[in-house]
């Protein structure tokens, strides 16, 4: 099973997916003669073709019936039945209707076996989306699961999806513990106990596949607001330890540095500011050891870059970890 994540581009730009692929917009094929001719040439050239009904904000959307007629005419490699944004029920109804037509056409010899379905899960909640995704995942006619920036549920735009997937870890670990317990109790050869391993295994596999699909959509569409992230990091006094390190590096015993930094934090809380915004004069009122270079020592950039142990956020060590993970994925 493939997963196809639509990049953030319009459907006309998407119609060219490299020299060997062609994304066919059914709405254009229906009304534009030149586009029809171009599409037919792409099919003759053996390019991998994906037929879609089109999108409402860029013109008329074909009905399921119209799309099926084009499927019989073009015989694409994959076709995308009409899905309804955030609506699981309507999406599944359209899918099942299209699927029945495909089965009948194959049986009568009107449709090549190479034509399969690219299904796009929909749902207004995490549970609905996962249910729709699993329905497609277990269908033999579906060769690819498609996700676009618009089709990804609302919950993907906030931390809910990451938290829910993290929660699924307990479910998968539970399945592992259960199956290990079952298998450990078997004395020899095949026993009836082993009928208990199927449900656990398949549930864990489907859960992991669903989590991967959701994470793929989340990561591919997320945008990092670095300014907001930096402001948030400054306001949490995450650099208080670095202020203590500064004092220790200038000869102040840590037992004293700890108390000094505590007074600094209380002062900042009273004024509603961060350590970066506290004037140097007030630093010196609490401890004369502080100089102008304190601001560089407690800057977010310095705090991150100086942490270079394995698992720390320093850029150098993170580059090593990323390279190692890429190599692992490449070899496995």
C-alpha atoms as a PDB file:
ATOM      1  CA  UNK A   1       0.000   0.000   0.000  1.00  0.00           C
ATOM      2  CA  UNK A   2       1.322   3.434  -1.002  1.00  0.00           C
ATOM      3  CA  UNK A   3       0.649   6.741   0.727  1.00  0.00           C
ATOM      4  CA  UNK A   4       0.447   9.800  -1.511  1.00  0.00           C
ATOM      5  CA  UNK A   5       0.668  13.172   0.225  1.00  0.00           C
ATOM      6  CA  UNK A   6      -0.407  16.055  -2.005  1.00  0.00           C
ATOM      7  CA  UNK A   7       2.035  18.969  -1.676  1.00  0.00           C
ATOM      8  CA  UNK A   8       0.671  22.493  -1.054  1.00  0.00           C
ATOM      9  CA  UNK A   9       0.132  23.413  -4.722  1.00  0.00           C
ATOM     10  CA  UNK A  10      -2.935  23.909  -6.881  1.00  0.00           C
ATOM     11  CA  UNK A  11      -4.351  21.067  -8.963  1.00  0.00           C
ATOM     12  CA  UNK A  12      -3.095  22.445 -12.264  1.00  0.00           C
ATOM     13  CA  UNK A  13       0.469  22.454 -10.963  1.00  0.00           C
ATOM     14  CA  UNK A  14      -0.135  19.014  -9.491  1.00  0.00           C
ATOM     15  CA  UNK A  15      -1.150  17.607 -12.893  1.00  0.00           C
ATOM     16  CA  UNK A  16       2.551  17.351 -13.739  1.00  0.00           C
ATOM     17  CA  UNK A  17       4.152  14.938 -11.269  1.00  0.00           C
ATOM     18  CA  UNK A  18       7.365  14.357 -13.204  1.00  0.00           C
ATOM     19  CA  UNK A  19       8.009  12.967 -16.660  1.00  0.00           C
ATOM     20  CA  UNK A  20       6.591   9.526 -15.863  1.00  0.00           C
ATOM     21  CA  UNK A  21       3.411  10.624 -14.071  1.00  0.00           C
ATOM     22  CA  UNK A  22       0.302  12.538 -15.082  1.00  0.00           C
ATOM     23  CA  UNK A  23      -2.481  13.751 -12.770  1.00  0.00           C
ATOM     24  CA  UNK A  24      -5.659  14.026 -14.879  1.00  0.00           C
ATOM     25  CA  UNK A  25      -8.300  16.582 -13.907  1.00  0.00           C
ATOM     26  CA  UNK A  26     -11.650  15.149 -15.008  1.00  0.00           C
ATOM     27  CA  UNK A  27     -13.305  18.581 -15.152  1.00  0.00           C
ATOM     28  CA  UNK A  28     -10.753  19.823 -17.694  1.00  0.00           C
ATOM     29  CA  UNK A  29     -10.823  16.597 -19.685  1.00  0.00           C
ATOM     30  CA  UNK A  30     -14.588  16.940 -20.070  1.00  0.00           C
ATOM     31  CA  UNK A  31     -14.633  20.509 -21.403  1.00  0.00           C
ATOM     32  CA  UNK A  32     -11.241  21.157 -23.043  1.00  0.00           C
ATOM     33  CA  UNK A  33     -10.381  19.419 -26.329  1.00  0.00           C
ATOM     34  CA  UNK A  34      -6.665  20.235 -26.178  1.00  0.00           C
ATOM     35  CA  UNK A  35      -6.444  18.847 -22.653  1.00  0.00           C
ATOM     36  CA  UNK A  36      -8.195  15.654 -23.806  1.00  0.00           C
ATOM     37  CA  UNK A  37      -5.684  15.220 -26.600  1.00  0.00           C
ATOM     38  CA  UNK A  38      -2.774  15.853 -24.245  1.00  0.00           C
ATOM     39  CA  UNK A  39      -4.168  13.289 -21.785  1.00  0.00           C
ATOM     40  CA  UNK A  40      -4.596  10.640 -24.478  1.00  0.00           C
ATOM     41  CA  UNK A  41      -0.979  11.167 -25.577  1.00  0.00           C
ATOM     42  CA  UNK A  42       0.192  10.776 -21.967  1.00  0.00           C
ATOM     43  CA  UNK A  43      -1.642   7.444 -21.737  1.00  0.00           C
ATOM     44  CA  UNK A  44      -0.158   6.269 -25.059  1.00  0.00           C
ATOM     45  CA  UNK A  45       3.335   7.186 -23.805  1.00  0.00           C
ATOM     46  CA  UNK A  46       2.850   4.793 -20.896  1.00  0.00           C
ATOM     47  CA  UNK A  47       2.899   7.479 -18.209  1.00  0.00           C
ATOM     48  CA  UNK A  48       1.408   6.610 -14.818  1.00  0.00           C
ATOM     49  CA  UNK A  49      -1.995   8.301 -14.841  1.00  0.00           C
ATOM     50  CA  UNK A  50      -4.175   9.314 -11.877  1.00  0.00           C
ATOM     51  CA  UNK A  51      -7.739  10.422 -12.695  1.00  0.00           C
ATOM     52  CA  UNK A  52      -9.486  12.866 -10.349  1.00  0.00           C
ATOM     53  CA  UNK A  53     -12.921  14.486 -10.590  1.00  0.00           C
ATOM     54  CA  UNK A  54     -11.514  17.968  -9.961  1.00  0.00           C
ATOM     55  CA  UNK A  55     -11.991  20.453  -7.122  1.00  0.00           C
ATOM     56  CA  UNK A  56     -14.812  22.864  -6.418  1.00  0.00           C
ATOM     57  CA  UNK A  57     -12.688  26.003  -6.054  1.00  0.00           C
ATOM     58  CA  UNK A  58     -11.149  25.520  -9.497  1.00  0.00           C
ATOM     59  CA  UNK A  59     -14.236  24.678 -11.540  1.00  0.00           C
ATOM     60  CA  UNK A  60     -17.011  22.110 -11.898  1.00  0.00           C
ATOM     61  CA  UNK A  61     -16.624  18.846 -10.003  1.00  0.00           C
ATOM     62  CA  UNK A  62     -17.671  15.692 -11.836  1.00  0.00           C
ATOM     63  CA  UNK A  63     -20.240  13.400 -10.280  1.00  0.00           C
ATOM     64  CA  UNK A  64     -19.277   9.824  -9.431  1.00  0.00           C
ATOM     65  CA  UNK A  65     -21.171   8.602 -12.505  1.00  0.00           C
ATOM     66  CA  UNK A  66     -19.391  11.037 -14.848  1.00  0.00           C
ATOM     67  CA  UNK A  67     -16.055  10.101 -13.325  1.00  0.00           C
ATOM     68  CA  UNK A  68     -16.752   6.400 -13.877  1.00  0.00           C
ATOM     69  CA  UNK A  69     -17.560   6.991 -17.556  1.00  0.00           C
ATOM     70  CA  UNK A  70     -14.198   8.760 -17.932  1.00  0.00           C
ATOM     71  CA  UNK A  71     -12.524   5.843 -16.136  1.00  0.00           C
ATOM     72  CA  UNK A  72     -13.846   3.431 -18.750  1.00  0.00           C
ATOM     73  CA  UNK A  73     -12.742   5.782 -21.538  1.00  0.00           C
ATOM     74  CA  UNK A  74      -9.236   6.629 -20.261  1.00  0.00           C
ATOM     75  CA  UNK A  75      -8.417   3.396 -18.388  1.00  0.00           C
ATOM     76  CA  UNK A  76      -6.052   5.190 -15.926  1.00  0.00           C
ATOM     77  CA  UNK A  77      -3.670   3.466 -13.531  1.00  0.00           C
ATOM     78  CA  UNK A  78      -5.500   4.949 -10.553  1.00  0.00           C
ATOM     79  CA  UNK A  79      -8.778   6.807 -10.094  1.00  0.00           C
ATOM     80  CA  UNK A  80      -9.936   8.907  -7.134  1.00  0.00           C
ATOM     81  CA  UNK A  81     -13.654   8.465  -6.305  1.00  0.00           C
ATOM     82  CA  UNK A  82     -15.451  11.600  -5.192  1.00  0.00           C
ATOM     83  CA  UNK A  83     -14.668  12.353  -1.540  1.00  0.00           C
ATOM     84  CA  UNK A  84     -16.432  14.959   0.592  1.00  0.00           C
ATOM     85  CA  UNK A  85     -14.248  17.190   2.755  1.00  0.00           C
ATOM     86  CA  UNK A  86     -14.397  16.194   6.464  1.00  0.00           C
ATOM     87  CA  UNK A  87     -17.405  13.906   5.783  1.00  0.00           C
ATOM     88  CA  UNK A  88     -16.686  10.219   6.406  1.00  0.00           C
ATOM     89  CA  UNK A  89     -20.184   8.910   5.599  1.00  0.00           C
ATOM     90  CA  UNK A  90     -20.534  10.623   2.217  1.00  0.00           C
ATOM     91  CA  UNK A  91     -16.983   9.713   1.264  1.00  0.00           C
ATOM     92  CA  UNK A  92     -17.561   6.022   2.048  1.00  0.00           C
ATOM     93  CA  UNK A  93     -20.917   6.021   0.225  1.00  0.00           C
ATOM     94  CA  UNK A  94     -19.283   7.433  -2.911  1.00  0.00           C
ATOM     95  CA  UNK A  95     -16.405   4.983  -2.604  1.00  0.00           C
ATOM     96  CA  UNK A  96     -18.662   1.925  -2.292  1.00  0.00           C
ATOM     97  CA  UNK A  97     -20.816   3.049  -5.218  1.00  0.00           C
ATOM     98  CA  UNK A  98     -17.749   3.526  -7.400  1.00  0.00           C
ATOM     99  CA  UNK A  99     -16.259   0.228  -6.216  1.00  0.00           C
ATOM    100  CA  UNK A 100     -19.384  -1.725  -7.200  1.00  0.00           C
ATOM    101  CA  UNK A 101     -19.306  -0.171 -10.672  1.00  0.00           C
ATOM    102  CA  UNK A 102     -15.629  -1.102 -11.036  1.00  0.00           C
ATOM    103  CA  UNK A 103     -16.231  -4.707  -9.987  1.00  0.00           C
ATOM    104  CA  UNK A 104     -19.085  -5.027 -12.486  1.00  0.00           C
ATOM    105  CA  UNK A 105     -17.021  -3.456 -15.296  1.00  0.00           C
ATOM    106  CA  UNK A 106     -14.079  -5.780 -14.624  1.00  0.00           C
ATOM    107  CA  UNK A 107     -16.358  -8.794 -14.608  1.00  0.00           C
ATOM    108  CA  UNK A 108     -17.790  -7.793 -18.014  1.00  0.00           C
ATOM    109  CA  UNK A 109     -14.343  -6.986 -19.432  1.00  0.00           C
ATOM    110  CA  UNK A 110     -14.914  -3.223 -19.799  1.00  0.00           C
ATOM    111  CA  UNK A 111     -12.146  -2.224 -17.362  1.00  0.00           C
ATOM    112  CA  UNK A 112      -8.494  -3.265 -17.310  1.00  0.00           C
ATOM    113  CA  UNK A 113      -7.196  -4.935 -14.173  1.00  0.00           C
ATOM    114  CA  UNK A 114      -4.409  -2.354 -13.981  1.00  0.00           C
ATOM    115  CA  UNK A 115      -6.915   0.319 -12.888  1.00  0.00           C
ATOM    116  CA  UNK A 116      -7.087   0.605  -9.100  1.00  0.00           C
ATOM    117  CA  UNK A 117      -8.358   3.166  -6.596  1.00  0.00           C
ATOM    118  CA  UNK A 118      -6.514   6.012  -4.903  1.00  0.00           C
ATOM    119  CA  UNK A 119      -8.721   6.589  -1.852  1.00  0.00           C
ATOM    120  CA  UNK A 120      -8.713   9.788   0.214  1.00  0.00           C
ATOM    121  CA  UNK A 121      -9.866   9.315   3.833  1.00  0.00           C
ATOM    122  CA  UNK A 122     -12.122  11.992   5.311  1.00  0.00           C
ATOM    123  CA  UNK A 123     -13.451  12.712   8.767  1.00  0.00           C
ATOM    124  CA  UNK A 124     -14.228  15.583  11.083  1.00  0.00           C
ATOM    125  CA  UNK A 125     -12.624  13.825  14.049  1.00  0.00           C
ATOM    126  CA  UNK A 126      -9.577  11.651  14.600  1.00  0.00           C
ATOM    127  CA  UNK A 127     -11.790   8.597  15.153  1.00  0.00           C
ATOM    128  CA  UNK A 128     -13.771   9.148  11.930  1.00  0.00           C
ATOM    129  CA  UNK A 129     -10.644   9.710   9.873  1.00  0.00           C
ATOM    130  CA  UNK A 130      -8.951   6.569  11.232  1.00  0.00           C
ATOM    131  CA  UNK A 131     -12.093   4.501  10.639  1.00  0.00           C
ATOM    132  CA  UNK A 132     -12.269   5.734   7.030  1.00  0.00           C
ATOM    133  CA  UNK A 133      -8.540   5.122   6.572  1.00  0.00           C
ATOM    134  CA  UNK A 134      -8.765   1.537   7.868  1.00  0.00           C
ATOM    135  CA  UNK A 135     -11.734   0.839   5.604  1.00  0.00           C
ATOM    136  CA  UNK A 136      -9.651   1.805   2.570  1.00  0.00           C
ATOM    137  CA  UNK A 137      -6.539   0.086   3.868  1.00  0.00           C
ATOM    138  CA  UNK A 138      -8.228  -3.311   3.944  1.00  0.00           C
ATOM    139  CA  UNK A 139      -9.747  -3.105   0.440  1.00  0.00           C
ATOM    140  CA  UNK A 140      -8.047  -5.041  -2.365  1.00  0.00           C
ATOM    141  CA  UNK A 141      -9.051  -2.475  -5.011  1.00  0.00           C
ATOM    142  CA  UNK A 142      -7.226   0.338  -3.165  1.00  0.00           C
ATOM    143  CA  UNK A 143      -3.574   0.643  -4.188  1.00  0.00           C
ATOM    144  CA  UNK A 144      -2.825   4.014  -2.588  1.00  0.00           C
ATOM    145  CA  UNK A 145      -4.038   6.186   0.312  1.00  0.00           C
ATOM    146  CA  UNK A 146      -4.109   9.867  -0.622  1.00  0.00           C
ATOM    147  CA  UNK A 147      -3.938  12.859   1.711  1.00  0.00           C
ATOM    148  CA  UNK A 148      -3.960  16.550   0.882  1.00  0.00           C
ATOM    149  CA  UNK A 149      -3.482  19.679   2.954  1.00  0.00           C
ATOM    150  CA  UNK A 150      -7.209  20.397   2.762  1.00  0.00           C
ATOM    151  CA  UNK A 151      -8.309  16.829   3.414  1.00  0.00           C
ATOM    152  CA  UNK A 152      -6.349  16.457   6.645  1.00  0.00           C
ATOM    153  CA  UNK A 153      -8.774  16.799   9.580  1.00  0.00           C
ATOM    154  CA  UNK A 154      -8.942  19.925  11.718  1.00  0.00           C
ATOM    155  CA  UNK A 155      -7.264  18.072  14.572  1.00  0.00           C
ATOM    156  CA  UNK A 156      -4.056  17.895  12.558  1.00  0.00           C
ATOM    157  CA  UNK A 157      -3.653  21.646  12.902  1.00  0.00           C
ATOM    158  CA  UNK A 158      -3.035  21.415  16.649  1.00  0.00           C
ATOM    159  CA  UNK A 159      -1.168  19.072  19.028  1.00  0.00           C
ATOM    160  CA  UNK A 160      -4.124  16.667  19.342  1.00  0.00           C
ATOM    161  CA  UNK A 161      -2.826  14.304  16.674  1.00  0.00           C
ATOM    162  CA  UNK A 162       0.619  13.984  18.283  1.00  0.00           C
ATOM    163  CA  UNK A 163      -0.942  13.410  21.695  1.00  0.00           C
ATOM    164  CA  UNK A 164      -3.411  10.823  20.366  1.00  0.00           C
ATOM    165  CA  UNK A 165      -0.670   8.910  18.561  1.00  0.00           C
ATOM    166  CA  UNK A 166       1.440   8.983  21.715  1.00  0.00           C
ATOM    167  CA  UNK A 167      -1.553   7.499  23.551  1.00  0.00           C
ATOM    168  CA  UNK A 168      -1.773   4.703  20.971  1.00  0.00           C
ATOM    169  CA  UNK A 169       1.668   3.537  22.142  1.00  0.00           C
ATOM    170  CA  UNK A 170       0.032   2.035  25.237  1.00  0.00           C
ATOM    171  CA  UNK A 171      -2.406   0.108  23.061  1.00  0.00           C
ATOM    172  CA  UNK A 172       0.368  -1.353  20.899  1.00  0.00           C
ATOM    173  CA  UNK A 173       2.562  -2.138  23.914  1.00  0.00           C
ATOM    174  CA  UNK A 174      -0.445  -3.816  25.513  1.00  0.00           C
ATOM    175  CA  UNK A 175      -0.896  -6.031  22.449  1.00  0.00           C
ATOM    176  CA  UNK A 176       2.795  -6.951  22.587  1.00  0.00           C
ATOM    177  CA  UNK A 177       2.628  -7.830  26.282  1.00  0.00           C
ATOM    178  CA  UNK A 178      -0.518  -9.907  25.721  1.00  0.00           C
ATOM    179  CA  UNK A 179       0.913 -11.932  22.863  1.00  0.00           C
ATOM    180  CA  UNK A 180       4.205 -12.527  24.692  1.00  0.00           C
ATOM    181  CA  UNK A 181       2.268 -13.780  27.717  1.00  0.00           C
ATOM    182  CA  UNK A 182       0.146 -16.074  25.536  1.00  0.00           C
ATOM    183  CA  UNK A 183       3.102 -17.529  23.644  1.00  0.00           C
ATOM    184  CA  UNK A 184       5.190 -18.003  26.791  1.00  0.00           C
ATOM    185  CA  UNK A 185       2.518 -20.243  28.283  1.00  0.00           C
ATOM    186  CA  UNK A 186       2.521 -22.718  25.383  1.00  0.00           C
ATOM    187  CA  UNK A 187       4.302 -25.990  26.368  1.00  0.00           C
ATOM    188  CA  UNK A 188       5.012 -27.436  22.898  1.00  0.00           C
ATOM    189  CA  UNK A 189       3.989 -27.210  19.200  1.00  0.00           C
ATOM    190  CA  UNK A 190       0.609 -25.741  18.159  1.00  0.00           C
ATOM    191  CA  UNK A 191      -2.048 -25.210  20.803  1.00  0.00           C
ATOM    192  CA  UNK A 192      -5.478 -23.579  20.806  1.00  0.00           C
ATOM    193  CA  UNK A 193      -3.917 -20.738  22.788  1.00  0.00           C
ATOM    194  CA  UNK A 194      -2.477 -19.433  19.517  1.00  0.00           C
ATOM    195  CA  UNK A 195      -5.871 -18.453  18.177  1.00  0.00           C
ATOM    196  CA  UNK A 196      -5.590 -15.501  20.552  1.00  0.00           C
ATOM    197  CA  UNK A 197      -2.620 -14.024  18.690  1.00  0.00           C
ATOM    198  CA  UNK A 198      -4.513 -12.938  15.526  1.00  0.00           C
ATOM    199  CA  UNK A 199      -6.739 -10.178  16.892  1.00  0.00           C
ATOM    200  CA  UNK A 200      -3.895  -8.591  18.858  1.00  0.00           C
ATOM    201  CA  UNK A 201      -1.448  -8.698  15.960  1.00  0.00           C
ATOM    202  CA  UNK A 202      -3.806  -7.310  13.330  1.00  0.00           C
ATOM    203  CA  UNK A 203      -5.072  -4.569  15.633  1.00  0.00           C
ATOM    204  CA  UNK A 204      -1.502  -3.477  16.444  1.00  0.00           C
ATOM    205  CA  UNK A 205      -0.529  -3.470  12.746  1.00  0.00           C
ATOM    206  CA  UNK A 206      -3.593  -1.413  11.734  1.00  0.00           C
ATOM    207  CA  UNK A 207      -3.004   1.004  14.619  1.00  0.00           C
ATOM    208  CA  UNK A 208       0.632   1.604  13.654  1.00  0.00           C
ATOM    209  CA  UNK A 209      -0.245   2.029   9.973  1.00  0.00           C
ATOM    210  CA  UNK A 210      -2.907   4.580  10.871  1.00  0.00           C
ATOM    211  CA  UNK A 211      -0.515   6.493  13.126  1.00  0.00           C
ATOM    212  CA  UNK A 212       2.136   6.611  10.390  1.00  0.00           C
ATOM    213  CA  UNK A 213      -0.396   7.918   7.880  1.00  0.00           C
ATOM    214  CA  UNK A 214      -1.579  10.656  10.252  1.00  0.00           C
ATOM    215  CA  UNK A 215       1.957  11.665  11.184  1.00  0.00           C
ATOM    216  CA  UNK A 216       2.886  11.803   7.502  1.00  0.00           C
ATOM    217  CA  UNK A 217       0.061  14.243   6.900  1.00  0.00           C
ATOM    218  CA  UNK A 218       0.842  16.285   9.991  1.00  0.00           C
ATOM    219  CA  UNK A 219       4.572  16.620   9.341  1.00  0.00           C
ATOM    220  CA  UNK A 220       4.201  17.323   5.606  1.00  0.00           C
ATOM    221  CA  UNK A 221       1.790  20.225   6.207  1.00  0.00           C
ATOM    222  CA  UNK A 222       3.064  21.770   9.449  1.00  0.00           C
ATOM    223  CA  UNK A 223       4.598  25.234   9.461  1.00  0.00           C
ATOM    224  CA  UNK A 224       7.085  26.285  12.141  1.00  0.00           C
ATOM    225  CA  UNK A 225       6.600  29.813  13.523  1.00  0.00           C
ATOM    226  CA  UNK A 226      10.147  30.347  14.750  1.00  0.00           C
ATOM    227  CA  UNK A 227       9.378  33.778  16.207  1.00  0.00           C
ATOM    228  CA  UNK A 228       6.534  32.397  18.311  1.00  0.00           C
ATOM    229  CA  UNK A 229       8.616  29.395  19.381  1.00  0.00           C
ATOM    230  CA  UNK A 230      11.481  31.642  20.485  1.00  0.00           C
ATOM    231  CA  UNK A 231       9.172  33.973  22.419  1.00  0.00           C
ATOM    232  CA  UNK A 232       7.582  31.011  24.173  1.00  0.00           C
ATOM    233  CA  UNK A 233      10.991  29.571  25.108  1.00  0.00           C
ATOM    234  CA  UNK A 234      12.113  32.896  26.585  1.00  0.00           C
ATOM    235  CA  UNK A 235       9.050  33.251  28.783  1.00  0.00           C
ATOM    236  CA  UNK A 236       9.483  29.900  30.526  1.00  0.00           C
ATOM    237  CA  UNK A 237      12.825  30.751  32.234  1.00  0.00           C
ATOM    238  CA  UNK A 238      14.400  27.776  30.458  1.00  0.00           C
ATOM    239  CA  UNK A 239      17.665  29.729  30.461  1.00  0.00           C
ATOM    240  CA  UNK A 240      17.787  30.163  34.254  1.00  0.00           C
ATOM    241  CA  UNK A 241      20.230  27.245  34.536  1.00  0.00           C
ATOM    242  CA  UNK A 242      22.498  28.965  32.005  1.00  0.00           C
ATOM    243  CA  UNK A 243      22.485  32.096  34.150  1.00  0.00           C
ATOM    244  CA  UNK A 244      23.635  29.919  37.071  1.00  0.00           C
ATOM    245  CA  UNK A 245      26.337  28.374  34.853  1.00  0.00           C
ATOM    246  CA  UNK A 246      27.484  31.920  33.990  1.00  0.00           C
ATOM    247  CA  UNK A 247      27.967  32.726  37.675  1.00  0.00           C
ATOM    248  CA  UNK A 248      29.790  29.454  38.343  1.00  0.00           C
ATOM    249  CA  UNK A 249      32.133  30.133  35.403  1.00  0.00           C
ATOM    250  CA  UNK A 250      32.913  33.506  37.010  1.00  0.00           C
ATOM    251  CA  UNK A 251      33.905  31.984  40.342  1.00  0.00           C
ATOM    252  CA  UNK A 252      30.613  31.988  42.239  1.00  0.00           C
ATOM    253  CA  UNK A 253      29.917  28.721  44.155  1.00  0.00           C
ATOM    254  CA  UNK A 254      26.877  26.936  42.786  1.00  0.00           C
ATOM    255  CA  UNK A 255      25.112  26.984  46.173  1.00  0.00           C
ATOM    256  CA  UNK A 256      25.229  30.816  45.977  1.00  0.00           C
ATOM    257  CA  UNK A 257      24.508  30.957  42.229  1.00  0.00           C
ATOM    258  CA  UNK A 258      21.324  28.966  42.796  1.00  0.00           C
ATOM    259  CA  UNK A 259      19.984  31.554  45.229  1.00  0.00           C
ATOM    260  CA  UNK A 260      21.017  34.503  43.035  1.00  0.00           C
ATOM    261  CA  UNK A 261      19.197  33.096  40.008  1.00  0.00           C
ATOM    262  CA  UNK A 262      16.117  32.436  42.150  1.00  0.00           C
ATOM    263  CA  UNK A 263      16.024  36.149  43.056  1.00  0.00           C
ATOM    264  CA  UNK A 264      16.449  37.049  39.374  1.00  0.00           C
ATOM    265  CA  UNK A 265      13.484  34.870  38.387  1.00  0.00           C
ATOM    266  CA  UNK A 266      11.275  36.349  41.133  1.00  0.00           C
ATOM    267  CA  UNK A 267      12.206  39.861  39.981  1.00  0.00           C
ATOM    268  CA  UNK A 268      11.274  38.993  36.374  1.00  0.00           C
ATOM    269  CA  UNK A 269       7.951  37.459  37.462  1.00  0.00           C
ATOM    270  CA  UNK A 270       7.076  40.616  39.417  1.00  0.00           C
ATOM    271  CA  UNK A 271       7.845  42.774  36.360  1.00  0.00           C
ATOM    272  CA  UNK A 272       6.273  40.389  33.838  1.00  0.00           C
ATOM    273  CA  UNK A 273       9.441  40.096  31.739  1.00  0.00           C
ATOM    274  CA  UNK A 274      11.988  37.432  30.784  1.00  0.00           C
ATOM    275  CA  UNK A 275      15.618  37.163  31.890  1.00  0.00           C
ATOM    276  CA  UNK A 276      16.673  38.497  28.471  1.00  0.00           C
ATOM    277  CA  UNK A 277      14.690  41.715  29.103  1.00  0.00           C
ATOM    278  CA  UNK A 278      15.946  42.445  32.622  1.00  0.00           C
ATOM    279  CA  UNK A 279      18.246  45.521  32.570  1.00  0.00           C
ATOM    280  CA  UNK A 280      21.935  44.988  33.425  1.00  0.00           C
ATOM    281  CA  UNK A 281      21.621  47.439  36.367  1.00  0.00           C
ATOM    282  CA  UNK A 282      19.115  45.157  38.068  1.00  0.00           C
ATOM    283  CA  UNK A 283      21.339  42.154  37.407  1.00  0.00           C
ATOM    284  CA  UNK A 284      24.171  43.985  39.173  1.00  0.00           C
ATOM    285  CA  UNK A 285      21.928  44.961  42.100  1.00  0.00           C
ATOM    286  CA  UNK A 286      21.467  41.254  42.805  1.00  0.00           C
ATOM    287  CA  UNK A 287      25.077  40.267  41.993  1.00  0.00           C
ATOM    288  CA  UNK A 288      27.980  42.520  40.882  1.00  0.00           C
ATOM    289  CA  UNK A 289      29.472  39.556  38.973  1.00  0.00           C
ATOM    290  CA  UNK A 290      27.109  40.089  36.050  1.00  0.00           C
ATOM    291  CA  UNK A 291      28.433  41.970  33.023  1.00  0.00           C
ATOM    292  CA  UNK A 292      27.127  42.758  29.527  1.00  0.00           C
ATOM    293  CA  UNK A 293      28.044  39.291  28.248  1.00  0.00           C
ATOM    294  CA  UNK A 294      25.292  37.736  30.415  1.00  0.00           C
ATOM    295  CA  UNK A 295      22.820  38.378  27.583  1.00  0.00           C
ATOM    296  CA  UNK A 296      24.850  36.320  25.146  1.00  0.00           C
ATOM    297  CA  UNK A 297      25.274  33.555  27.731  1.00  0.00           C
ATOM    298  CA  UNK A 298      21.498  33.212  28.273  1.00  0.00           C
ATOM    299  CA  UNK A 299      20.360  33.737  24.681  1.00  0.00           C
ATOM    300  CA  UNK A 300      18.266  30.896  23.266  1.00  0.00           C
ATOM    301  CA  UNK A 301      20.833  30.379  20.504  1.00  0.00           C
ATOM    302  CA  UNK A 302      23.651  29.870  23.013  1.00  0.00           C
ATOM    303  CA  UNK A 303      21.521  27.676  25.267  1.00  0.00           C
ATOM    304  CA  UNK A 304      20.763  25.303  22.407  1.00  0.00           C
ATOM    305  CA  UNK A 305      24.177  25.271  20.702  1.00  0.00           C
ATOM    306  CA  UNK A 306      26.178  24.519  23.876  1.00  0.00           C
ATOM    307  CA  UNK A 307      24.228  21.295  24.533  1.00  0.00           C
ATOM    308  CA  UNK A 308      26.035  18.703  22.453  1.00  0.00           C
ATOM    309  CA  UNK A 309      25.603  15.411  24.303  1.00  0.00           C
ATOM    310  CA  UNK A 310      23.757  12.632  22.435  1.00  0.00           C
ATOM    311  CA  UNK A 311      20.024  13.352  22.611  1.00  0.00           C
ATOM    312  CA  UNK A 312      20.509  17.065  23.340  1.00  0.00           C
ATOM    313  CA  UNK A 313      19.119  19.762  20.973  1.00  0.00           C
ATOM    314  CA  UNK A 314      22.490  21.116  19.788  1.00  0.00           C
ATOM    315  CA  UNK A 315      22.627  21.490  15.965  1.00  0.00           C
ATOM    316  CA  UNK A 316      25.798  19.415  15.561  1.00  0.00           C
ATOM    317  CA  UNK A 317      24.566  16.403  17.517  1.00  0.00           C
ATOM    318  CA  UNK A 318      21.102  16.664  15.909  1.00  0.00           C
ATOM    319  CA  UNK A 319      22.680  16.542  12.449  1.00  0.00           C
ATOM    320  CA  UNK A 320      24.467  13.338  13.479  1.00  0.00           C
ATOM    321  CA  UNK A 321      21.223  11.804  14.785  1.00  0.00           C
ATOM    322  CA  UNK A 322      19.292  12.752  11.636  1.00  0.00           C
ATOM    323  CA  UNK A 323      22.057  11.334   9.424  1.00  0.00           C
ATOM    324  CA  UNK A 324      22.070   8.123  11.458  1.00  0.00           C
ATOM    325  CA  UNK A 325      18.285   7.728  11.194  1.00  0.00           C
ATOM    326  CA  UNK A 326      18.360   8.369   7.440  1.00  0.00           C
ATOM    327  CA  UNK A 327      21.014   5.722   7.047  1.00  0.00           C
ATOM    328  CA  UNK A 328      18.929   3.298   9.122  1.00  0.00           C
ATOM    329  CA  UNK A 329      15.840   3.911   6.967  1.00  0.00           C
ATOM    330  CA  UNK A 330      17.877   3.498   3.813  1.00  0.00           C
ATOM    331  CA  UNK A 331      19.285   0.130   4.907  1.00  0.00           C
ATOM    332  CA  UNK A 332      16.089  -1.225   6.458  1.00  0.00           C
END
